[in-house]
Amino acid sequence: MDPQFRPEQHNATQSHRMKHGRLIAFVVVLVVAAIVIAGLVPRWRDAKALARETQVQAVPSVAVVHPKLGAPHDEVVLPGDIQAFEDSPIYARTNGYLKKWYADIGAHVQAGQLLAEIETPEVDQQLDQARADLNTAKANFDLAQTTAQRYQDLLKTDSVSKQDVDNAVGDFQAKRAMVASAESNVKRLEELQSFEKIYAPFSGVITARNTDVGHLINSGAGAPATELFHIASIQKLRVYINVPQQYSASAKPGLTADLTLMEFPGRRFQGILVRNAGAIDVGSRTLLAEVDVANRTGELLPGAYAEVHLKVPNATPSLIIPVGALIFRSQGLQVAVVKDDKANLVNIVLGHDMGSEVEVVSGLTSDDAVMLSPPDSLVDGEQVRISAVQEQSTPARGAE
């Protein structure tokens, strides 16, 4: 045994070595733990981020649009027939032959203007005879009047009987009645003779001439009368339209109506609804209404077809939304309104279908955020996220 060997020193050395080994092991464990933690923490963070992203992706992103206000007036387009304000055929009132005519088709004439003359030799002869009869009646009347006066004077001296006086007075009264009858006959024939001249009953345009010089004119005695001329007043025109029953309450006098015609592309002629029939036609369920249009230039022609744009005021305010926002289900027509990041299914009532847009008359407000292109699987109360708010740029139908 080494005299210099000391058990205490050996034990201290071993204890030191053990502590050093433990320290190294601890350091190794720390290093390994740090490596493990450094590898797990990013994975945990990635997993948590993935879970959040998955949760976010599970909420569908939707685009919404706010309904726009509809026009205060609803424009209804109806077919209309243009008619002259005054339209009349012109017939002869006496028989004879046409001597001359002064107005052909297309001629603008004034009220009282001479249109044609008729030769009536028979009427002329009858008038000459009637005047001769009147002269005879007047001569007999004068003689009877003188005789009656003389008999009345002779009666005062009892030179004639009362019977003779009564006979003279009766003959005088009869002759006076014959004069009145002859005068009436002369007046009748003079008026009949005045019908030899055909005058325009009102200012207008001649739209037809159905006679010529030398034609036999029949006033209708024993045969159908023939129309000589046809005249139409076109300074103002009437347009008759049949208003559907749903708009009948608004089709009141004073309503504005514009006319469009194929022969005048891009032009509108303003008219006013002046009256309606006051009753719905049972067959068509429409209300007959009249629209008057000024035609001072004569561009519009009677008998033409026109489209009448009737501006009917809306009884209730309407909203316009894209047709892609509609949901067709068994519960009825619906739209999805996004509120508090949730989709609420709302039933609506449609008005007019304008193709890419529809009119909503009930169920929405202008502040609602209406979902565009909602998925078929959408349920009421489902969580959604608004990704974009689109604006409707197209003007509302009928906006002025």
Protein backbone atom coordinates (compact mmCIF):
# COMPACT_ATOMS: atom_id res chain seq x y z
CA MET A 1 0.00 0.00 0.00
CA ASP A 2 1.23 3.39 -1.11
CA PRO A 3 2.04 5.44 1.89
CA GLN A 4 1.00 8.51 0.00
CA PHE A 5 -2.47 7.07 -0.96
CA ARG A 6 -5.22 8.72 0.89
CA PRO A 7 -8.81 7.33 0.85
CA GLU A 8 -10.28 10.78 1.42
CA GLN A 9 -8.57 12.17 -1.65
CA HIS A 10 -9.72 9.23 -3.78
CA ASN A 11 -13.30 9.63 -2.68
CA ALA A 12 -13.21 13.35 -3.45
CA THR A 13 -11.91 12.67 -6.93
CA GLN A 14 -14.65 10.17 -7.65
CA SER A 15 -17.29 12.52 -6.29
CA HIS A 16 -15.96 15.30 -8.52
CA ARG A 17 -16.05 13.01 -11.55
CA MET A 18 -19.63 11.95 -10.81
CA LYS A 19 -20.77 15.55 -10.51
CA HIS A 20 -19.05 16.39 -13.77
CA GLY A 21 -20.78 13.45 -15.49
CA ARG A 22 -24.13 14.42 -14.16
CA LEU A 23 -23.62 17.95 -15.38
CA ILE A 24 -22.73 16.70 -18.81
CA ALA A 25 -25.78 14.43 -18.82
CA PHE A 26 -28.00 17.28 -17.73
CA VAL A 27 -26.57 19.48 -20.42
CA VAL A 28 -27.14 16.75 -22.98
CA VAL A 29 -30.71 16.31 -21.77
CA LEU A 30 -31.26 20.05 -22.02
CA VAL A 31 -29.82 20.11 -25.51
CA VAL A 32 -31.96 17.18 -26.58
CA ALA A 33 -35.04 18.74 -24.97
CA ALA A 34 -34.30 22.04 -26.70
CA ILE A 35 -33.95 20.24 -30.01
CA VAL A 36 -37.19 18.38 -29.44
CA ILE A 37 -39.03 21.54 -28.35
CA ALA A 38 -37.56 23.47 -31.30
CA GLY A 39 -38.99 20.83 -33.59
CA LEU A 40 -42.39 20.49 -31.92
CA VAL A 41 -43.26 24.15 -31.37
CA PRO A 42 -43.33 25.08 -35.09
CA ARG A 43 -45.36 22.02 -35.81
CA TRP A 44 -47.78 22.98 -33.03
CA ARG A 45 -47.94 26.50 -34.35
CA ASP A 46 -48.46 25.25 -37.89
CA ALA A 47 -51.18 22.90 -36.72
CA LYS A 48 -52.90 25.68 -34.80
CA ALA A 49 -52.64 28.03 -37.78
CA LEU A 50 -53.93 25.29 -40.05
CA ALA A 51 -56.86 24.73 -37.72
CA ARG A 52 -57.62 28.45 -37.70
CA GLU A 53 -57.31 28.64 -41.47
CA THR A 54 -59.47 25.56 -41.88
CA GLN A 55 -62.06 27.11 -39.61
CA VAL A 56 -61.92 30.35 -41.59
CA GLN A 57 -62.09 28.51 -44.89
CA ALA A 58 -65.11 26.58 -43.63
CA VAL A 59 -67.05 29.92 -43.51
CA PRO A 60 -68.06 30.68 -47.13
CA SER A 61 -67.10 34.05 -48.62
CA VAL A 62 -69.98 35.77 -50.37
CA ALA A 63 -70.51 38.92 -52.42
CA VAL A 64 -73.49 41.12 -51.58
CA VAL A 65 -75.37 43.93 -53.26
CA HIS A 66 -77.69 46.58 -51.88
CA PRO A 67 -81.09 46.86 -53.64
CA LYS A 68 -81.59 50.03 -55.63
CA LEU A 69 -84.80 52.01 -55.62
CA GLY A 70 -87.17 51.48 -58.52
CA ALA A 71 -88.52 54.30 -60.61
CA PRO A 72 -91.47 56.32 -59.22
CA HIS A 73 -93.28 55.62 -62.49
CA ASP A 74 -93.84 52.28 -64.13
CA GLU A 75 -93.74 52.43 -67.93
CA VAL A 76 -96.32 50.16 -69.54
CA VAL A 77 -96.07 49.67 -73.31
CA LEU A 78 -99.41 49.05 -75.02
CA PRO A 79 -100.47 48.79 -78.67
CA GLY A 80 -102.57 51.69 -79.91
CA ASP A 81 -104.61 52.61 -82.99
CA ILE A 82 -104.30 56.21 -84.17
CA GLN A 83 -107.57 57.78 -85.27
CA ALA A 84 -108.55 61.22 -86.49
CA PHE A 85 -110.02 63.51 -83.88
CA GLU A 86 -113.02 64.04 -86.19
CA ASP A 87 -113.78 61.67 -89.03
CA SER A 88 -116.84 61.78 -91.27
CA PRO A 89 -118.11 60.53 -94.63
CA ILE A 90 -119.81 63.12 -96.83
CA TYR A 91 -122.99 62.16 -98.72
CA ALA A 92 -125.27 64.02 -101.10
CA ARG A 93 -128.65 65.12 -99.79
CA THR A 94 -130.21 65.54 -103.24
CA ASN A 95 -130.36 63.56 -106.48
CA GLY A 96 -128.67 64.65 -109.68
CA TYR A 97 -125.39 64.55 -111.56
CA LEU A 98 -122.00 65.72 -110.31
CA LYS A 99 -121.19 68.97 -112.08
CA LYS A 100 -117.73 69.64 -110.63
CA TRP A 101 -115.51 68.75 -107.68
CA TYR A 102 -112.94 71.08 -106.09
CA ALA A 103 -110.94 68.92 -103.63
CA ASP A 104 -109.06 65.70 -104.21
CA ILE A 105 -107.46 63.26 -101.74
CA GLY A 106 -104.81 64.84 -99.54
CA ALA A 107 -106.28 68.31 -99.88
CA HIS A 108 -106.44 70.36 -96.68
CA VAL A 109 -109.78 72.15 -96.54
CA GLN A 110 -111.38 74.60 -94.15
CA ALA A 111 -114.79 74.38 -92.56
CA GLY A 112 -117.44 75.59 -95.03
CA GLN A 113 -115.19 75.24 -98.08
CA LEU A 114 -116.95 74.17 -101.30
CA LEU A 115 -116.08 70.60 -102.26
CA ALA A 116 -118.39 69.82 -105.18
CA GLU A 117 -121.50 70.95 -107.12
CA ILE A 118 -124.44 68.79 -108.25
CA GLU A 119 -126.83 69.50 -111.10
CA THR A 120 -130.44 68.86 -110.03
CA PRO A 121 -132.78 69.74 -112.95
CA GLU A 122 -135.73 67.93 -111.42
CA VAL A 123 -135.42 69.82 -108.17
CA ASP A 124 -135.06 73.10 -110.08
CA GLN A 125 -138.28 72.41 -112.00
CA GLN A 126 -140.10 71.38 -108.86
CA LEU A 127 -138.99 74.61 -107.22
CA ASP A 128 -140.24 76.69 -110.18
CA GLN A 129 -143.59 74.91 -110.01
CA ALA A 130 -143.79 75.40 -106.25
CA ARG A 131 -143.13 79.10 -106.62
CA ALA A 132 -145.87 79.36 -109.27
CA ASP A 133 -148.26 77.52 -106.95
CA LEU A 134 -147.31 79.95 -104.20
CA ASN A 135 -148.13 82.91 -106.42
CA THR A 136 -151.51 81.35 -107.29
CA ALA A 137 -152.22 80.73 -103.63
CA LYS A 138 -151.33 84.31 -102.76
CA ALA A 139 -153.65 85.67 -105.51
CA ASN A 140 -156.52 83.49 -104.28
CA PHE A 141 -155.72 84.60 -100.72
CA ASP A 142 -155.89 88.27 -101.67
CA LEU A 143 -159.24 87.78 -103.43
CA ALA A 144 -160.69 85.79 -100.51
CA GLN A 145 -159.48 88.44 -98.08
CA THR A 146 -161.16 91.23 -100.07
CA THR A 147 -164.39 89.25 -100.45
CA ALA A 148 -164.56 88.48 -96.74
CA GLN A 149 -164.01 92.12 -95.88
CA ARG A 150 -166.81 93.25 -98.23
CA TYR A 151 -169.27 90.70 -96.86
CA GLN A 152 -168.53 91.84 -93.34
CA ASP A 153 -169.20 95.44 -94.35
CA LEU A 154 -172.48 94.47 -96.12
CA LEU A 155 -173.60 92.54 -93.03
CA LYS A 156 -173.66 95.80 -91.08
CA THR A 157 -176.43 97.09 -93.39
CA ASP A 158 -178.20 93.70 -93.52
CA SER A 159 -177.48 93.53 -97.25
CA VAL A 160 -176.24 89.89 -97.00
CA SER A 161 -177.08 87.01 -94.76
CA LYS A 162 -174.91 85.83 -91.91
CA GLN A 163 -174.39 82.55 -93.74
CA ASP A 164 -172.86 84.32 -96.74
CA VAL A 165 -170.47 86.17 -94.44
CA ASP A 166 -169.40 82.95 -92.72
CA ASN A 167 -168.79 81.33 -96.10
CA ALA A 168 -166.61 84.22 -97.23
CA VAL A 169 -164.62 84.27 -93.99
CA GLY A 170 -164.10 80.47 -94.12
CA ASP A 171 -162.87 80.69 -97.71
CA PHE A 172 -160.44 83.45 -96.66
CA GLN A 173 -158.97 81.31 -93.85
CA ALA A 174 -158.64 78.31 -96.17
CA LYS A 175 -156.80 80.43 -98.75
CA ARG A 176 -154.47 81.70 -96.01
CA ALA A 177 -153.64 78.09 -95.03
CA MET A 178 -152.95 77.26 -98.67
CA VAL A 179 -150.48 80.15 -98.87
CA ALA A 180 -148.67 78.87 -95.76
CA SER A 181 -148.53 75.37 -97.28
CA ALA A 182 -147.18 76.71 -100.57
CA GLU A 183 -144.56 78.77 -98.77
CA SER A 184 -143.41 75.69 -96.80
CA ASN A 185 -143.12 73.68 -100.00
CA VAL A 186 -141.05 76.42 -101.64
CA LYS A 187 -138.78 76.61 -98.59
CA ARG A 188 -138.35 72.82 -98.61
CA LEU A 189 -137.35 72.78 -102.25
CA GLU A 190 -135.03 75.78 -101.79
CA GLU A 191 -133.23 73.91 -99.02
CA LEU A 192 -133.12 70.81 -101.19
CA GLN A 193 -131.68 72.92 -103.98
CA SER A 194 -129.05 74.29 -101.61
CA PHE A 195 -127.76 70.73 -101.26
CA GLU A 196 -126.49 71.06 -104.81
CA LYS A 197 -123.33 72.48 -103.21
CA ILE A 198 -121.30 70.16 -100.97
CA TYR A 199 -119.38 71.94 -98.21
CA ALA A 200 -116.75 70.70 -95.74
CA PRO A 201 -118.37 70.24 -92.31
CA PHE A 202 -115.08 70.96 -90.48
CA SER A 203 -111.43 71.72 -91.21
CA GLY A 204 -109.40 68.68 -92.17
CA VAL A 205 -107.89 66.63 -94.95
CA ILE A 206 -109.77 64.79 -97.70
CA THR A 207 -108.86 61.12 -97.32
CA ALA A 208 -111.16 59.72 -100.04
CA ARG A 209 -112.98 60.92 -103.17
CA ASN A 210 -115.46 58.39 -104.54
CA THR A 211 -117.08 60.39 -107.31
CA ASP A 212 -116.24 62.21 -110.52
CA VAL A 213 -117.83 64.61 -112.99
CA GLY A 214 -120.98 63.17 -114.54
CA HIS A 215 -121.61 60.54 -111.90
CA LEU A 216 -125.23 59.93 -111.00
CA ILE A 217 -125.76 61.07 -107.44
CA ASN A 218 -128.31 59.19 -105.36
CA SER A 219 -129.25 60.58 -101.99
CA GLY A 220 -130.55 57.20 -100.83
CA ALA A 221 -134.15 57.29 -102.07
CA GLY A 222 -134.84 53.71 -103.19
CA ALA A 223 -131.13 52.79 -103.40
CA PRO A 224 -128.07 52.82 -101.12
CA ALA A 225 -126.41 56.21 -100.88
CA THR A 226 -122.86 56.57 -102.17
CA GLU A 227 -120.18 58.30 -100.11
CA LEU A 228 -118.80 61.24 -102.12
CA PHE A 229 -115.88 62.30 -99.90
CA HIS A 230 -114.29 61.31 -96.63
CA ILE A 231 -112.79 64.00 -94.43
CA ALA A 232 -110.63 63.67 -91.32
CA SER A 233 -109.43 66.28 -88.84
CA ILE A 234 -105.76 65.50 -88.05
CA GLN A 235 -104.58 68.57 -86.11
CA LYS A 236 -105.22 66.45 -83.03
CA LEU A 237 -105.43 62.68 -83.00
CA ARG A 238 -107.07 60.12 -80.76
CA VAL A 239 -105.22 56.94 -79.78
CA TYR A 240 -107.27 54.18 -78.18
CA ILE A 241 -105.51 51.69 -75.90
CA ASN A 242 -106.65 48.78 -73.74
CA VAL A 243 -105.13 49.15 -70.27
CA PRO A 244 -104.74 45.86 -68.33
CA GLN A 245 -106.89 45.58 -65.24
CA GLN A 246 -103.92 45.77 -62.84
CA TYR A 247 -103.16 49.31 -64.07
CA SER A 248 -106.77 50.45 -64.47
CA ALA A 249 -106.82 52.31 -61.14
CA SER A 250 -103.90 54.50 -62.29
CA ALA A 251 -105.21 55.14 -65.82
CA LYS A 252 -106.80 58.47 -64.93
CA PRO A 253 -107.16 61.63 -67.04
CA GLY A 254 -103.98 63.70 -67.07
CA LEU A 255 -101.60 60.73 -67.18
CA THR A 256 -98.62 61.23 -69.50
CA ALA A 257 -98.24 58.88 -72.46
CA ASP A 258 -95.61 58.84 -75.22
CA LEU A 259 -96.04 57.37 -78.68
CA THR A 260 -93.37 55.59 -80.70
CA LEU A 261 -93.76 54.53 -84.32
CA MET A 262 -91.57 52.35 -86.51
CA GLU A 263 -91.41 55.03 -89.20
CA PHE A 264 -89.95 57.53 -86.70
CA PRO A 265 -87.10 55.63 -84.97
CA GLY A 266 -85.76 57.33 -81.87
CA ARG A 267 -88.62 59.84 -81.69
CA ARG A 268 -91.39 60.14 -79.12
CA PHE A 269 -94.65 62.01 -79.52
CA GLN A 270 -96.12 63.22 -76.26
CA GLY A 271 -99.77 62.62 -75.49
CA ILE A 272 -102.17 62.90 -72.57
CA LEU A 273 -104.72 60.36 -71.37
CA VAL A 274 -107.98 62.32 -71.46
CA ARG A 275 -110.70 59.78 -70.64
CA ASN A 276 -111.47 56.12 -70.06
CA ALA A 277 -114.52 53.93 -70.52
CA GLY A 278 -115.16 53.68 -66.79
CA ALA A 279 -115.73 49.91 -66.98
CA ILE A 280 -113.57 46.81 -67.42
CA ASP A 281 -114.28 44.81 -70.58
CA VAL A 282 -115.36 41.33 -69.47
CA GLY A 283 -113.84 39.59 -72.48
CA SER A 284 -110.33 41.06 -72.29
CA ARG A 285 -110.23 42.33 -68.68
CA THR A 286 -108.94 45.66 -69.94
CA LEU A 287 -110.00 49.29 -69.62
CA LEU A 288 -110.51 51.23 -72.84
CA ALA A 289 -108.75 54.60 -72.63
CA GLU A 290 -108.21 57.52 -75.02
CA VAL A 291 -104.91 59.35 -75.44
CA ASP A 292 -104.92 62.66 -77.35
CA VAL A 293 -101.80 63.69 -79.30
CA ALA A 294 -101.13 67.06 -80.92
CA ASN A 295 -100.32 66.72 -84.64
CA ARG A 296 -99.85 70.27 -85.87
CA THR A 297 -97.23 69.28 -88.44
CA GLY A 298 -99.38 66.46 -89.80
CA GLU A 299 -96.58 63.86 -89.47
CA LEU A 300 -98.80 61.31 -87.77
CA LEU A 301 -101.42 59.68 -89.96
CA PRO A 302 -104.82 58.32 -88.93
CA GLY A 303 -105.05 54.55 -89.05
CA ALA A 304 -101.37 54.04 -88.12
CA TYR A 305 -100.19 51.59 -85.47
CA ALA A 306 -98.27 52.98 -82.51
CA GLU A 307 -96.79 51.78 -79.23
CA VAL A 308 -98.08 53.83 -76.31
CA HIS A 309 -95.67 54.17 -73.39
CA LEU A 310 -97.97 54.83 -70.45
CA LYS A 311 -96.22 56.19 -67.36
CA VAL A 312 -98.20 54.69 -64.49
CA PRO A 313 -97.25 55.89 -60.97
CA ASN A 314 -96.21 53.09 -58.63
CA ALA A 315 -98.63 52.64 -55.76
CA THR A 316 -95.86 51.19 -53.53
CA PRO A 317 -92.07 51.77 -53.73
CA SER A 318 -90.18 48.94 -55.35
CA LEU A 319 -86.58 47.72 -55.21
CA ILE A 320 -84.41 46.31 -57.98
CA ILE A 321 -82.03 43.35 -57.47
CA PRO A 322 -80.07 41.11 -59.86
CA VAL A 323 -81.88 37.99 -60.96
CA GLY A 324 -78.89 35.92 -59.75
CA ALA A 325 -79.80 36.66 -56.13
CA LEU A 326 -83.06 34.70 -56.29
CA ILE A 327 -83.50 31.36 -54.50
CA PHE A 328 -86.20 29.01 -55.77
CA ARG A 329 -87.36 26.60 -53.08
CA SER A 330 -90.49 24.91 -51.86
CA GLN A 331 -90.94 27.68 -49.27
CA GLY A 332 -91.42 30.12 -52.12
CA LEU A 333 -89.24 32.71 -53.78
CA GLN A 334 -86.47 33.84 -51.41
CA VAL A 335 -83.25 35.84 -51.16
CA ALA A 336 -80.41 35.58 -48.64
CA VAL A 337 -79.85 38.74 -46.59
CA VAL A 338 -76.51 38.91 -44.73
CA LYS A 339 -76.79 40.36 -41.24
CA ASP A 340 -74.29 39.97 -38.38
CA ASP A 341 -72.23 37.60 -40.58
CA LYS A 342 -75.19 35.26 -40.92
CA ALA A 343 -77.36 34.45 -43.91
CA ASN A 344 -81.06 35.01 -43.30
CA LEU A 345 -83.47 33.61 -45.88
CA VAL A 346 -86.27 36.09 -46.62
CA ASN A 347 -89.43 35.50 -48.67
CA ILE A 348 -90.09 38.19 -51.29
CA VAL A 349 -92.82 39.18 -53.75
CA LEU A 350 -91.75 40.03 -57.29
CA GLY A 351 -93.09 42.71 -59.56
CA HIS A 352 -91.75 42.92 -63.11
CA ASP A 353 -89.08 40.74 -64.65
CA MET A 354 -86.61 42.89 -66.60
CA GLY A 355 -84.31 40.12 -67.77
CA SER A 356 -81.07 40.55 -65.81
CA GLU A 357 -82.92 42.31 -62.98
CA VAL A 358 -86.20 41.85 -61.16
CA GLU A 359 -88.47 44.20 -59.26
CA VAL A 360 -89.22 43.36 -55.62
CA VAL A 361 -92.40 44.90 -54.21
CA SER A 362 -92.33 43.27 -50.77
CA GLY A 363 -89.84 41.62 -48.39
CA LEU A 364 -86.73 43.84 -48.70
CA THR A 365 -85.43 47.26 -47.71
CA SER A 366 -82.84 49.38 -49.45
CA ASP A 367 -80.36 48.83 -46.57
CA ASP A 368 -80.36 45.04 -46.84
CA ALA A 369 -77.20 43.26 -48.05
CA VAL A 370 -78.50 40.71 -50.54
CA MET A 371 -76.23 37.75 -51.29
CA LEU A 372 -75.29 37.24 -54.93
CA SER A 373 -75.33 33.71 -56.38
CA PRO A 374 -76.23 31.93 -53.12
CA PRO A 375 -75.28 28.21 -53.04
CA ASP A 376 -78.03 25.60 -53.19
CA SER A 377 -76.88 24.18 -49.83
CA LEU A 378 -77.32 27.49 -48.00
CA VAL A 379 -79.41 27.22 -44.82
CA ASP A 380 -81.02 29.90 -42.71
CA GLY A 381 -78.63 31.26 -40.06
CA GLU A 382 -75.49 29.87 -41.70
CA GLN A 383 -72.22 31.68 -40.92
CA VAL A 384 -70.88 33.62 -43.92
CA ARG A 385 -68.21 36.21 -44.61
CA ILE A 386 -68.73 39.23 -46.88
CA SER A 387 -65.90 39.39 -49.38
CA ALA A 388 -67.17 42.22 -51.59
CA VAL A 389 -70.00 44.70 -51.83
CA GLN A 390 -71.00 45.25 -55.45
CA GLU A 391 -72.80 48.32 -56.71
CA GLN A 392 -75.57 48.20 -59.32
CA SER A 393 -74.67 50.60 -62.07
CA THR A 394 -77.61 50.07 -64.43
CA PRO A 395 -80.40 52.64 -63.99
CA ALA A 396 -83.77 51.55 -62.66
CA ARG A 397 -86.38 50.81 -65.31
CA GLY A 398 -88.54 53.78 -66.16
CA ALA A 399 -86.32 56.28 -64.31
CA GLU A 400 -86.80 59.79 -65.51
